[in-house]
Structure formats: C-alpha cells, structure tokens
C-alpha cells in the first residue's frame, strides 16, 4: 500500500484552535485532529486543504505556510500516512449546528483554547506547541503507531 499524503489546517480564531472528530459515529472514537484530509492527484496541497476544510467544517480559509510534518502508521494493516500542516486564516463562515460533512466522516468540530486541549485526546502530540507558536516548537512529529 503506498504512503498516503494528507494536508491539515492549523486554524486559530480568537486564540482557539479548530479541531474535528473525524471518525464516523458508529466507530465512537474520542480522538480529535486538525481538519483536512487526503491529497487528491493533480490538486495543489493548499487547494486540497481549502476544499477539505470547507467540506468538513463549512468554513472558507486562506492557506499559508507549512508549519509541521507528521507521520503515523499501522504496520499490521500496511497503512502509513504523512501529513503536512499549514497555518491558515479564517476568511468566511462560522460553525453552525445544521452543518453536515458531505462525506459523513467528521462527526463534530469545535474551537479549543490552549487549556481545553489538555482535556481532550488529540494527535499529533506537538499540535498545541505548533499552533500557539511556542519557542522551540517542532517542525517534525516523528513516526508513531496509530492510536485507536
């Protein structure tokens, strides 16, 4: 199985980071991640990311510079994903109750403060330090096994 390339948004608004629960309800995971998804052939990574964020959240964004590279894998299934995180800026929209992901992958989306990040399960672990631009925040989050 080839390595899957994905794009993810570091989207801050009012000192809060946008996160999504990207697991169908029947799987019941409490794991949160930054919005985004698998790259499509012949589409630039920024265009891919803007489309994914629109689908998953209903928000329109401007995609900035890359800020983090993350990778994870499940050697038992032969799955390996590399994610490129980009700093993004909100252009238009707000999270609304009547929104639904057209692909039915994202079940919830929410803005989290730095303190609230301590109360949820998320990946990659470097996300808060990168999002809030801590001195010495990593640019690479090393390969780790998928967390169910």
Protein backbone atom coordinates (compact mmCIF):
# COMPACT_ATOMS: atom_id res chain seq x y z
CA UNK A 1 0.00 0.00 0.00
CA UNK A 2 1.52 3.42 -0.93
CA UNK A 3 2.09 6.10 1.66
CA UNK A 4 -0.97 8.38 1.92
CA UNK A 5 -0.33 12.14 1.79
CA UNK A 6 -2.70 14.41 3.70
CA UNK A 7 -3.00 18.12 4.44
CA UNK A 8 -4.15 19.61 7.76
CA UNK A 9 -5.07 23.13 8.89
CA UNK A 10 -3.71 24.96 11.89
CA UNK A 11 -6.62 27.38 12.06
CA UNK A 12 -6.67 29.79 15.00
CA UNK A 13 -9.54 32.16 15.78
CA UNK A 14 -9.77 34.26 18.95
CA UNK A 15 -6.87 32.28 20.44
CA UNK A 16 -8.67 28.97 19.86
CA UNK A 17 -7.65 26.08 17.60
CA UNK A 18 -10.18 24.38 15.34
CA UNK A 19 -10.32 20.61 15.80
CA UNK A 20 -12.55 17.90 14.33
CA UNK A 21 -13.58 14.46 15.47
CA UNK A 22 -13.02 12.63 12.20
CA UNK A 23 -14.47 9.25 12.98
CA UNK A 24 -17.92 8.06 11.94
CA UNK A 25 -20.32 7.88 14.88
CA UNK A 26 -20.50 4.10 14.73
CA UNK A 27 -16.77 3.87 15.49
CA UNK A 28 -17.19 6.01 18.58
CA UNK A 29 -13.65 7.42 18.89
CA UNK A 30 -12.95 10.42 21.10
CA UNK A 31 -9.79 11.31 19.16
CA UNK A 32 -9.61 14.87 17.77
CA UNK A 33 -7.41 16.14 14.94
CA UNK A 34 -6.92 19.25 12.85
CA UNK A 35 -9.29 19.50 9.86
CA UNK A 36 -8.03 18.31 6.49
CA UNK A 37 -7.65 15.11 4.59
CA UNK A 38 -6.04 13.03 1.91
CA UNK A 39 -4.45 14.84 -1.01
CA UNK A 40 -6.01 14.32 -4.42
CA UNK A 41 -3.88 13.85 -7.51
CA UNK A 42 -3.30 16.92 -9.69
CA UNK A 43 -4.52 19.32 -6.98
CA UNK A 44 -2.09 21.53 -5.04
CA UNK A 45 -1.79 20.89 -1.32
CA UNK A 46 -3.21 24.36 -0.43
CA UNK A 47 -6.17 23.87 -2.80
CA UNK A 48 -6.72 20.40 -1.37
CA UNK A 49 -6.68 21.75 2.17
CA UNK A 50 -9.09 24.62 1.45
CA UNK A 51 -11.54 22.13 -0.12
CA UNK A 52 -11.23 19.66 2.77
CA UNK A 53 -11.77 22.35 5.42
CA UNK A 54 -14.83 23.64 3.53
CA UNK A 55 -16.29 20.12 3.34
CA UNK A 56 -15.53 19.22 6.95
CA UNK A 57 -16.47 22.50 8.64
CA UNK A 58 -18.26 24.81 6.22
CA UNK A 59 -15.51 27.43 6.68
CA UNK A 60 -13.59 29.25 3.97
CA UNK A 61 -9.88 29.64 4.68
CA UNK A 62 -6.71 31.15 3.26
CA UNK A 63 -3.86 28.64 3.37
CA UNK A 64 -0.47 29.94 4.47
CA UNK A 65 2.93 28.36 5.03
CA UNK A 66 3.61 24.77 6.11
CA UNK A 67 4.45 24.54 9.81
CA UNK A 68 4.53 20.86 10.80
CA UNK A 69 5.17 17.48 9.23
CA UNK A 70 3.64 14.48 11.00
CA UNK A 71 3.50 10.79 10.18
CA UNK A 72 1.79 7.76 11.64
CA UNK A 73 1.27 4.17 10.63
CA UNK A 74 -0.41 0.86 11.35
CA UNK A 75 2.13 -1.79 10.31
CA UNK A 76 -0.45 -4.56 10.86
CA UNK A 77 -2.65 -3.11 8.08
CA UNK A 78 0.18 -1.74 5.95
CA UNK A 79 -1.10 1.83 6.42
CA UNK A 80 1.27 4.83 6.57
CA UNK A 81 0.21 8.50 6.37
CA UNK A 82 2.30 11.65 6.10
CA UNK A 83 0.53 14.90 6.99
CA UNK A 84 1.61 18.42 6.08
CA UNK A 85 0.13 21.04 8.43
CA UNK A 86 -0.33 24.60 7.12
CA UNK A 87 -1.02 27.81 9.06
CA UNK A 88 -4.39 29.05 7.87
CA UNK A 89 -6.57 32.11 8.30
CA UNK A 90 -10.36 32.21 8.52
CA UNK A 91 -11.85 34.12 5.58
CA UNK A 92 -15.58 33.43 5.95
CA UNK A 93 -18.10 31.35 7.81
CA UNK A 94 -18.96 30.16 11.28
CA UNK A 95 -19.55 26.74 12.79
CA UNK A 96 -23.27 26.04 12.61
CA UNK A 97 -25.48 23.39 14.17
CA UNK A 98 -27.16 22.41 10.89
CA UNK A 99 -23.91 21.62 9.04
CA UNK A 100 -23.07 18.06 7.96
CA UNK A 101 -19.94 16.67 6.36
CA UNK A 102 -20.94 15.53 2.83
CA UNK A 103 -18.64 12.50 3.19
CA UNK A 104 -20.03 11.71 6.69
CA UNK A 105 -16.54 11.41 8.19
CA UNK A 106 -16.39 14.40 10.55
CA UNK A 107 -18.92 13.98 13.35
CA UNK A 108 -18.07 17.11 15.37
CA UNK A 109 -15.98 20.24 15.11
CA UNK A 110 -15.10 22.71 17.80
CA UNK A 111 -12.76 25.59 18.71
CA UNK A 112 -10.48 24.74 21.67
CA UNK A 113 -8.46 27.05 23.92
CA UNK A 114 -4.97 26.02 24.95
CA UNK A 115 -6.27 24.92 28.35
CA UNK A 116 -9.11 22.91 26.82
CA UNK A 117 -6.61 20.97 24.72
CA UNK A 118 -5.46 19.33 27.97
CA UNK A 119 -8.97 17.90 28.41
CA UNK A 120 -9.24 16.09 25.06
CA UNK A 121 -7.42 13.27 23.29
CA UNK A 122 -5.74 14.51 20.09
CA UNK A 123 -2.94 13.78 17.65
CA UNK A 124 -0.24 14.73 16.87
CA UNK A 125 1.09 15.49 20.32
CA UNK A 126 3.07 18.50 19.02
CA UNK A 127 -0.12 20.26 17.86
CA UNK A 128 -0.58 22.76 20.73
CA UNK A 129 3.05 23.91 20.75
CA UNK A 130 2.95 24.41 16.98
CA UNK A 131 -0.48 26.09 16.96
CA UNK A 132 0.39 28.55 19.73
CA UNK A 133 3.89 29.00 18.27
CA UNK A 134 5.82 28.07 21.39
CA UNK A 135 9.58 28.74 21.19
CA UNK A 136 11.24 25.53 20.06
CA UNK A 137 8.00 24.01 18.72
CA UNK A 138 8.93 21.08 16.48
CA UNK A 139 8.64 21.13 12.71
CA UNK A 140 8.51 17.32 12.58
CA UNK A 141 6.44 15.00 14.75
CA UNK A 142 8.12 11.58 14.43
CA UNK A 143 6.51 8.42 13.10
CA UNK A 144 4.20 6.79 15.62
CA UNK A 145 1.74 3.90 15.60
CA UNK A 146 -1.93 4.77 15.01
CA UNK A 147 -3.90 5.31 18.20
CA UNK A 148 -7.40 3.79 18.04
